[in-house]
């Protein structure tokens, strides 16, 4: 093989070998491996077609070493990154739990039970009365949260409460400040008002203790509560769905 041709093949193979990993990372894994394999073939070709010249042999051996290292290194790093990505995906993937009213959900060290629900036109919190906005009604979902673990934990790990109606619409939890206050409650309002004991998820619970309280939602009058969705944990954790219909 002529010296000039050997040098051209060597430079081409070297470029392909050096481009194998960045191409596999940024463009296509298959294309990156192809570059490395072509570089190996070029190195083998230089060795096989060296003739009586020593330069093609030397260039072929050097190219073989570089291209094989590039191929093995690209495969090793690629598999390592895949394993790391898969581990992160599994660690952050939320598990799904389905339950119904009265059924205790065990998620990590938490026991969570939807005790029931009530619908109301008016609610009373302490000595204050509130009503829903025009065309809406109030739904109170009673929840019990128990710390089943051996360490004190914050109930804020249980979050993102969403009520889904029979119209397949989602409604976020609301608070009394978003309702219409009743400054002078009549006897009729007082008799119809449902007592609202707000659930505080900012509470810390000691081991084997629990809290109870109401989640408040506001939905259109012509819709009915169907499901309650919420999350347990921040990274990964659980996606919980509770059926509210009997």
C-alpha atoms as a PDB file:
ATOM      1  CA  UNK A   1       0.000   0.000   0.000  1.00  0.00           C
ATOM      2  CA  UNK A   2       1.280   3.428  -0.887  1.00  0.00           C
ATOM      3  CA  UNK A   3       2.231   5.775   1.944  1.00  0.00           C
ATOM      4  CA  UNK A   4      -0.210   8.527   0.935  1.00  0.00           C
ATOM      5  CA  UNK A   5      -3.156   6.155   0.798  1.00  0.00           C
ATOM      6  CA  UNK A   6      -2.212   4.671   4.174  1.00  0.00           C
ATOM      7  CA  UNK A   7      -2.043   8.133   5.746  1.00  0.00           C
ATOM      8  CA  UNK A   8      -5.473   9.068   4.310  1.00  0.00           C
ATOM      9  CA  UNK A   9      -7.058   5.874   5.657  1.00  0.00           C
ATOM     10  CA  UNK A  10      -5.400   6.439   9.036  1.00  0.00           C
ATOM     11  CA  UNK A  11      -6.624  10.049   9.315  1.00  0.00           C
ATOM     12  CA  UNK A  12     -10.136   9.053   8.239  1.00  0.00           C
ATOM     13  CA  UNK A  13     -10.228   6.204  10.725  1.00  0.00           C
ATOM     14  CA  UNK A  14      -8.840   8.403  13.501  1.00  0.00           C
ATOM     15  CA  UNK A  15     -11.516  11.054  12.889  1.00  0.00           C
ATOM     16  CA  UNK A  16     -14.255   8.414  12.956  1.00  0.00           C
ATOM     17  CA  UNK A  17     -12.874   6.878  16.148  1.00  0.00           C
ATOM     18  CA  UNK A  18     -12.727  10.262  17.896  1.00  0.00           C
ATOM     19  CA  UNK A  19     -16.243  11.155  16.750  1.00  0.00           C
ATOM     20  CA  UNK A  20     -17.778   7.858  17.907  1.00  0.00           C
ATOM     21  CA  UNK A  21     -18.616   8.861  21.479  1.00  0.00           C
ATOM     22  CA  UNK A  22     -19.862  12.450  20.876  1.00  0.00           C
ATOM     23  CA  UNK A  23     -21.979  11.178  17.978  1.00  0.00           C
ATOM     24  CA  UNK A  24     -23.438   8.354  20.070  1.00  0.00           C
ATOM     25  CA  UNK A  25     -24.210  10.827  22.874  1.00  0.00           C
ATOM     26  CA  UNK A  26     -25.617  13.760  20.910  1.00  0.00           C
ATOM     27  CA  UNK A  27     -26.945  12.307  17.651  1.00  0.00           C
ATOM     28  CA  UNK A  28     -27.468   8.562  17.488  1.00  0.00           C
ATOM     29  CA  UNK A  29     -26.024   5.617  19.388  1.00  0.00           C
ATOM     30  CA  UNK A  30     -26.146   3.476  16.259  1.00  0.00           C
ATOM     31  CA  UNK A  31     -24.287   6.055  14.199  1.00  0.00           C
ATOM     32  CA  UNK A  32     -21.616   6.462  16.894  1.00  0.00           C
ATOM     33  CA  UNK A  33     -21.000   2.715  17.051  1.00  0.00           C
ATOM     34  CA  UNK A  34     -20.882   2.601  13.248  1.00  0.00           C
ATOM     35  CA  UNK A  35     -18.112   5.207  13.243  1.00  0.00           C
ATOM     36  CA  UNK A  36     -16.054   3.155  15.713  1.00  0.00           C
ATOM     37  CA  UNK A  37     -16.604  -0.102  13.795  1.00  0.00           C
ATOM     38  CA  UNK A  38     -15.587   1.525  10.475  1.00  0.00           C
ATOM     39  CA  UNK A  39     -12.431   2.820  12.185  1.00  0.00           C
ATOM     40  CA  UNK A  40     -11.636  -0.738  13.354  1.00  0.00           C
ATOM     41  CA  UNK A  41     -12.156  -2.038   9.814  1.00  0.00           C
ATOM     42  CA  UNK A  42      -9.853   0.644   8.391  1.00  0.00           C
ATOM     43  CA  UNK A  43      -7.183  -0.251  10.935  1.00  0.00           C
ATOM     44  CA  UNK A  44      -7.463  -3.934  10.075  1.00  0.00           C
ATOM     45  CA  UNK A  45      -7.340  -3.077   6.376  1.00  0.00           C
ATOM     46  CA  UNK A  46      -4.097  -1.117   6.834  1.00  0.00           C
ATOM     47  CA  UNK A  47      -2.522  -4.064   8.643  1.00  0.00           C
ATOM     48  CA  UNK A  48      -3.746  -6.593   6.071  1.00  0.00           C
ATOM     49  CA  UNK A  49      -2.691  -4.542   3.031  1.00  0.00           C
ATOM     50  CA  UNK A  50       0.601  -3.262   4.404  1.00  0.00           C
ATOM     51  CA  UNK A  51       2.692  -5.059   1.794  1.00  0.00           C
ATOM     52  CA  UNK A  52       6.384  -4.588   2.392  1.00  0.00           C
ATOM     53  CA  UNK A  53       5.962  -1.095   3.827  1.00  0.00           C
ATOM     54  CA  UNK A  54       6.271  -0.693   7.574  1.00  0.00           C
ATOM     55  CA  UNK A  55       4.268   2.586   7.828  1.00  0.00           C
ATOM     56  CA  UNK A  56       0.824   1.085   6.979  1.00  0.00           C
ATOM     57  CA  UNK A  57       1.462  -1.624   9.595  1.00  0.00           C
ATOM     58  CA  UNK A  58       2.326   0.910  12.286  1.00  0.00           C
ATOM     59  CA  UNK A  59      -0.585   3.185  11.358  1.00  0.00           C
ATOM     60  CA  UNK A  60      -2.955   0.208  11.228  1.00  0.00           C
ATOM     61  CA  UNK A  61      -1.951  -1.040  14.691  1.00  0.00           C
ATOM     62  CA  UNK A  62      -2.251   2.470  16.189  1.00  0.00           C
ATOM     63  CA  UNK A  63      -5.653   2.948  14.555  1.00  0.00           C
ATOM     64  CA  UNK A  64      -6.851  -0.458  15.759  1.00  0.00           C
ATOM     65  CA  UNK A  65      -5.872   0.355  19.337  1.00  0.00           C
ATOM     66  CA  UNK A  66      -7.531   3.793  19.252  1.00  0.00           C
ATOM     67  CA  UNK A  67     -10.710   2.606  17.509  1.00  0.00           C
ATOM     68  CA  UNK A  68     -11.160  -0.446  19.756  1.00  0.00           C
ATOM     69  CA  UNK A  69     -10.711   1.752  22.843  1.00  0.00           C
ATOM     70  CA  UNK A  70     -13.238   4.187  21.366  1.00  0.00           C
ATOM     71  CA  UNK A  71     -15.744   1.393  20.673  1.00  0.00           C
ATOM     72  CA  UNK A  72     -15.382  -0.217  24.104  1.00  0.00           C
ATOM     73  CA  UNK A  73     -15.378   3.142  25.891  1.00  0.00           C
ATOM     74  CA  UNK A  74     -18.474   4.355  24.046  1.00  0.00           C
ATOM     75  CA  UNK A  75     -20.318   1.111  24.842  1.00  0.00           C
ATOM     76  CA  UNK A  76     -19.263   1.199  28.514  1.00  0.00           C
ATOM     77  CA  UNK A  77     -20.252   4.815  29.066  1.00  0.00           C
ATOM     78  CA  UNK A  78     -23.466   4.353  27.093  1.00  0.00           C
ATOM     79  CA  UNK A  79     -24.492   1.340  29.195  1.00  0.00           C
ATOM     80  CA  UNK A  80     -23.506   3.133  32.391  1.00  0.00           C
ATOM     81  CA  UNK A  81     -25.590   6.184  31.496  1.00  0.00           C
ATOM     82  CA  UNK A  82     -28.522   3.958  30.550  1.00  0.00           C
ATOM     83  CA  UNK A  83     -28.296   2.122  33.888  1.00  0.00           C
ATOM     84  CA  UNK A  84     -28.112   5.439  35.767  1.00  0.00           C
ATOM     85  CA  UNK A  85     -31.083   6.888  33.851  1.00  0.00           C
ATOM     86  CA  UNK A  86     -33.107   3.746  34.471  1.00  0.00           C
ATOM     87  CA  UNK A  87     -32.288   3.839  38.194  1.00  0.00           C
ATOM     88  CA  UNK A  88     -33.352   7.496  38.417  1.00  0.00           C
ATOM     89  CA  UNK A  89     -36.564   6.729  36.518  1.00  0.00           C
ATOM     90  CA  UNK A  90     -37.453   3.902  38.872  1.00  0.00           C
ATOM     91  CA  UNK A  91     -36.609   6.011  41.929  1.00  0.00           C
ATOM     92  CA  UNK A  92     -38.773   8.916  40.775  1.00  0.00           C
ATOM     93  CA  UNK A  93     -41.641   6.892  39.346  1.00  0.00           C
ATOM     94  CA  UNK A  94     -44.780   7.262  41.423  1.00  0.00           C
ATOM     95  CA  UNK A  95     -46.636   4.103  42.390  1.00  0.00           C
ATOM     96  CA  UNK A  96     -50.418   4.047  41.968  1.00  0.00           C
ATOM     97  CA  UNK A  97     -52.787   3.121  44.784  1.00  0.00           C
ATOM     98  CA  UNK A  98     -56.572   2.833  44.493  1.00  0.00           C
ATOM     99  CA  UNK A  99     -58.934   2.752  47.448  1.00  0.00           C
ATOM    100  CA  UNK A 100     -62.482   3.538  48.512  1.00  0.00           C
ATOM    101  CA  UNK A 101     -64.134   5.384  51.398  1.00  0.00           C
ATOM    102  CA  UNK A 102     -63.283   3.765  54.722  1.00  0.00           C
ATOM    103  CA  UNK A 103     -60.300   1.835  53.364  1.00  0.00           C
ATOM    104  CA  UNK A 104     -56.933   2.683  54.936  1.00  0.00           C
ATOM    105  CA  UNK A 105     -54.181   3.428  52.430  1.00  0.00           C
ATOM    106  CA  UNK A 106     -50.676   2.455  53.528  1.00  0.00           C
ATOM    107  CA  UNK A 107     -48.046   4.516  51.725  1.00  0.00           C
ATOM    108  CA  UNK A 108     -44.505   4.568  53.111  1.00  0.00           C
ATOM    109  CA  UNK A 109     -45.037   5.132  56.869  1.00  0.00           C
ATOM    110  CA  UNK A 110     -48.426   6.769  56.440  1.00  0.00           C
ATOM    111  CA  UNK A 111     -51.898   5.383  56.990  1.00  0.00           C
ATOM    112  CA  UNK A 112     -54.484   7.531  55.208  1.00  0.00           C
ATOM    113  CA  UNK A 113     -58.228   6.988  55.344  1.00  0.00           C
ATOM    114  CA  UNK A 114     -61.045   8.875  53.666  1.00  0.00           C
ATOM    115  CA  UNK A 115     -63.733   8.614  56.337  1.00  0.00           C
ATOM    116  CA  UNK A 116     -66.573  10.139  54.350  1.00  0.00           C
ATOM    117  CA  UNK A 117     -67.878  13.196  52.585  1.00  0.00           C
ATOM    118  CA  UNK A 118     -70.602  15.765  53.126  1.00  0.00           C
ATOM    119  CA  UNK A 119     -72.209  18.254  50.788  1.00  0.00           C
ATOM    120  CA  UNK A 120     -73.333  21.615  52.053  1.00  0.00           C
ATOM    121  CA  UNK A 121     -74.822  24.928  51.056  1.00  0.00           C
ATOM    122  CA  UNK A 122     -73.347  26.602  54.135  1.00  0.00           C
ATOM    123  CA  UNK A 123     -70.462  25.767  56.455  1.00  0.00           C
ATOM    124  CA  UNK A 124     -69.459  26.965  59.898  1.00  0.00           C
ATOM    125  CA  UNK A 125     -65.864  27.318  60.972  1.00  0.00           C
ATOM    126  CA  UNK A 126     -65.517  28.324  64.609  1.00  0.00           C
ATOM    127  CA  UNK A 127     -68.059  31.159  64.922  1.00  0.00           C
ATOM    128  CA  UNK A 128     -67.991  32.179  61.256  1.00  0.00           C
ATOM    129  CA  UNK A 129     -70.362  31.141  58.486  1.00  0.00           C
ATOM    130  CA  UNK A 130     -69.670  30.833  54.763  1.00  0.00           C
ATOM    131  CA  UNK A 131     -71.541  29.969  51.599  1.00  0.00           C
ATOM    132  CA  UNK A 132     -70.437  28.756  48.190  1.00  0.00           C
ATOM    133  CA  UNK A 133     -70.267  31.061  45.199  1.00  0.00           C
ATOM    134  CA  UNK A 134     -73.384  31.447  43.080  1.00  0.00           C
ATOM    135  CA  UNK A 135     -74.120  28.230  41.184  1.00  0.00           C
ATOM    136  CA  UNK A 136     -71.734  26.144  43.317  1.00  0.00           C
ATOM    137  CA  UNK A 137     -71.940  23.867  46.348  1.00  0.00           C
ATOM    138  CA  UNK A 138     -69.430  22.820  48.962  1.00  0.00           C
ATOM    139  CA  UNK A 139     -68.001  19.337  49.401  1.00  0.00           C
ATOM    140  CA  UNK A 140     -66.222  18.343  52.606  1.00  0.00           C
ATOM    141  CA  UNK A 141     -64.042  15.232  52.475  1.00  0.00           C
ATOM    142  CA  UNK A 142     -63.128  13.864  55.906  1.00  0.00           C
ATOM    143  CA  UNK A 143     -59.571  12.540  56.109  1.00  0.00           C
ATOM    144  CA  UNK A 144     -57.560  10.746  58.778  1.00  0.00           C
ATOM    145  CA  UNK A 145     -53.756  10.746  58.556  1.00  0.00           C
ATOM    146  CA  UNK A 146     -51.749   8.453  60.847  1.00  0.00           C
ATOM    147  CA  UNK A 147     -47.989   8.191  61.269  1.00  0.00           C
ATOM    148  CA  UNK A 148     -47.234   4.456  61.290  1.00  0.00           C
ATOM    149  CA  UNK A 149     -43.452   4.896  61.417  1.00  0.00           C
ATOM    150  CA  UNK A 150     -40.992   5.251  64.240  1.00  0.00           C
ATOM    151  CA  UNK A 151     -40.029   8.891  63.621  1.00  0.00           C
ATOM    152  CA  UNK A 152     -41.833  12.223  63.736  1.00  0.00           C
ATOM    153  CA  UNK A 153     -42.925  13.264  60.230  1.00  0.00           C
ATOM    154  CA  UNK A 154     -44.713  16.197  58.647  1.00  0.00           C
ATOM    155  CA  UNK A 155     -48.122  15.617  57.081  1.00  0.00           C
ATOM    156  CA  UNK A 156     -47.059  18.019  54.315  1.00  0.00           C
ATOM    157  CA  UNK A 157     -45.747  14.892  52.558  1.00  0.00           C
ATOM    158  CA  UNK A 158     -49.415  14.287  51.700  1.00  0.00           C
ATOM    159  CA  UNK A 159     -50.394  16.944  49.196  1.00  0.00           C
ATOM    160  CA  UNK A 160     -51.929  18.062  45.878  1.00  0.00           C
ATOM    161  CA  UNK A 161     -55.543  17.185  46.680  1.00  0.00           C
ATOM    162  CA  UNK A 162     -57.778  17.175  43.601  1.00  0.00           C
ATOM    163  CA  UNK A 163     -61.488  16.368  43.521  1.00  0.00           C
ATOM    164  CA  UNK A 164     -62.862  14.888  40.289  1.00  0.00           C
ATOM    165  CA  UNK A 165     -66.586  15.214  39.615  1.00  0.00           C
ATOM    166  CA  UNK A 166     -68.923  12.913  37.681  1.00  0.00           C
ATOM    167  CA  UNK A 167     -68.512  15.356  34.782  1.00  0.00           C
ATOM    168  CA  UNK A 168     -64.816  14.360  34.702  1.00  0.00           C
ATOM    169  CA  UNK A 169     -63.730  17.853  35.794  1.00  0.00           C
ATOM    170  CA  UNK A 170     -61.002  18.558  38.346  1.00  0.00           C
ATOM    171  CA  UNK A 171     -61.268  20.946  41.291  1.00  0.00           C
ATOM    172  CA  UNK A 172     -58.499  22.025  43.648  1.00  0.00           C
ATOM    173  CA  UNK A 173     -58.855  22.307  47.392  1.00  0.00           C
ATOM    174  CA  UNK A 174     -60.271  25.651  48.522  1.00  0.00           C
ATOM    175  CA  UNK A 175     -60.160  27.580  51.783  1.00  0.00           C
ATOM    176  CA  UNK A 176     -62.690  29.748  53.572  1.00  0.00           C
ATOM    177  CA  UNK A 177     -61.109  33.004  52.370  1.00  0.00           C
ATOM    178  CA  UNK A 178     -62.213  32.143  48.814  1.00  0.00           C
ATOM    179  CA  UNK A 179     -65.863  31.663  49.880  1.00  0.00           C
ATOM    180  CA  UNK A 180     -68.609  34.211  50.486  1.00  0.00           C
ATOM    181  CA  UNK A 181     -68.732  35.126  54.172  1.00  0.00           C
ATOM    182  CA  UNK A 182     -72.112  35.468  55.859  1.00  0.00           C
ATOM    183  CA  UNK A 183     -71.856  38.402  58.223  1.00  0.00           C
ATOM    184  CA  UNK A 184     -75.270  37.958  59.840  1.00  0.00           C
ATOM    185  CA  UNK A 185     -76.292  34.323  59.798  1.00  0.00           C
ATOM    186  CA  UNK A 186     -80.029  33.682  60.040  1.00  0.00           C
ATOM    187  CA  UNK A 187     -81.519  30.812  61.993  1.00  0.00           C
ATOM    188  CA  UNK A 188     -82.048  28.963  58.712  1.00  0.00           C
ATOM    189  CA  UNK A 189     -78.369  29.327  57.776  1.00  0.00           C
ATOM    190  CA  UNK A 190     -77.292  28.178  61.239  1.00  0.00           C
ATOM    191  CA  UNK A 191     -79.514  25.120  61.073  1.00  0.00           C
ATOM    192  CA  UNK A 192     -78.263  24.104  57.618  1.00  0.00           C
ATOM    193  CA  UNK A 193     -74.598  24.908  58.145  1.00  0.00           C
ATOM    194  CA  UNK A 194     -72.184  21.970  58.291  1.00  0.00           C
ATOM    195  CA  UNK A 195     -69.345  22.241  60.781  1.00  0.00           C
ATOM    196  CA  UNK A 196     -66.026  22.511  58.969  1.00  0.00           C
ATOM    197  CA  UNK A 197     -62.884  21.334  60.775  1.00  0.00           C
ATOM    198  CA  UNK A 198     -60.048  22.173  58.430  1.00  0.00           C
ATOM    199  CA  UNK A 199     -57.316  19.570  57.978  1.00  0.00           C
ATOM    200  CA  UNK A 200     -53.887  21.101  58.545  1.00  0.00           C
ATOM    201  CA  UNK A 201     -51.241  19.233  56.556  1.00  0.00           C
ATOM    202  CA  UNK A 202     -48.486  21.435  58.008  1.00  0.00           C
ATOM    203  CA  UNK A 203     -48.787  19.487  61.264  1.00  0.00           C
ATOM    204  CA  UNK A 204     -45.972  17.220  62.466  1.00  0.00           C
ATOM    205  CA  UNK A 205     -47.064  13.842  63.761  1.00  0.00           C
ATOM    206  CA  UNK A 206     -45.255  11.795  66.395  1.00  0.00           C
ATOM    207  CA  UNK A 207     -45.071   8.022  65.838  1.00  0.00           C
ATOM    208  CA  UNK A 208     -48.416   6.210  66.153  1.00  0.00           C
ATOM    209  CA  UNK A 209     -50.472   9.399  66.334  1.00  0.00           C
ATOM    210  CA  UNK A 210     -53.027  10.752  63.889  1.00  0.00           C
ATOM    211  CA  UNK A 211     -54.938  13.839  62.831  1.00  0.00           C
ATOM    212  CA  UNK A 212     -58.402  14.208  61.357  1.00  0.00           C
ATOM    213  CA  UNK A 213     -59.978  17.023  59.434  1.00  0.00           C
ATOM    214  CA  UNK A 214     -61.885  18.155  56.377  1.00  0.00           C
ATOM    215  CA  UNK A 215     -60.712  18.985  52.895  1.00  0.00           C
ATOM    216  CA  UNK A 216     -62.925  21.629  51.314  1.00  0.00           C
ATOM    217  CA  UNK A 217     -63.904  21.759  47.645  1.00  0.00           C
ATOM    218  CA  UNK A 218     -66.301  23.892  45.641  1.00  0.00           C
ATOM    219  CA  UNK A 219     -68.033  22.344  42.616  1.00  0.00           C
ATOM    220  CA  UNK A 220     -71.019  23.261  40.408  1.00  0.00           C
ATOM    221  CA  UNK A 221     -74.437  22.430  41.828  1.00  0.00           C
ATOM    222  CA  UNK A 222     -75.271  20.038  38.986  1.00  0.00           C
ATOM    223  CA  UNK A 223     -72.115  17.920  39.502  1.00  0.00           C
ATOM    224  CA  UNK A 224     -71.366  15.243  42.083  1.00  0.00           C
ATOM    225  CA  UNK A 225     -68.021  14.235  43.673  1.00  0.00           C
ATOM    226  CA  UNK A 226     -66.595  11.089  42.090  1.00  0.00           C
ATOM    227  CA  UNK A 227     -62.899  10.656  43.017  1.00  0.00           C
ATOM    228  CA  UNK A 228     -60.251  12.180  45.237  1.00  0.00           C
ATOM    229  CA  UNK A 229     -56.668  12.285  43.970  1.00  0.00           C
ATOM    230  CA  UNK A 230     -53.617  13.156  46.049  1.00  0.00           C
ATOM    231  CA  UNK A 231     -49.889  12.470  46.285  1.00  0.00           C
ATOM    232  CA  UNK A 232     -47.742  10.993  49.028  1.00  0.00           C
ATOM    233  CA  UNK A 233     -44.061  11.937  48.946  1.00  0.00           C
ATOM    234  CA  UNK A 234     -42.256  14.426  46.741  1.00  0.00           C
ATOM    235  CA  UNK A 235     -39.789  12.342  44.700  1.00  0.00           C
ATOM    236  CA  UNK A 236     -41.390   9.172  43.413  1.00  0.00           C
ATOM    237  CA  UNK A 237     -43.844   8.320  46.145  1.00  0.00           C
ATOM    238  CA  UNK A 238     -47.449   7.445  45.457  1.00  0.00           C
ATOM    239  CA  UNK A 239     -50.360   8.639  43.350  1.00  0.00           C
ATOM    240  CA  UNK A 240     -53.528   7.824  45.281  1.00  0.00           C
ATOM    241  CA  UNK A 241     -57.063   7.625  43.887  1.00  0.00           C
ATOM    242  CA  UNK A 242     -60.025   7.202  46.221  1.00  0.00           C
ATOM    243  CA  UNK A 243     -63.473   6.376  44.862  1.00  0.00           C
ATOM    244  CA  UNK A 244     -66.046   8.626  46.516  1.00  0.00           C
ATOM    245  CA  UNK A 245     -69.131   7.029  45.009  1.00  0.00           C
ATOM    246  CA  UNK A 246     -70.811   4.036  46.600  1.00  0.00           C
END
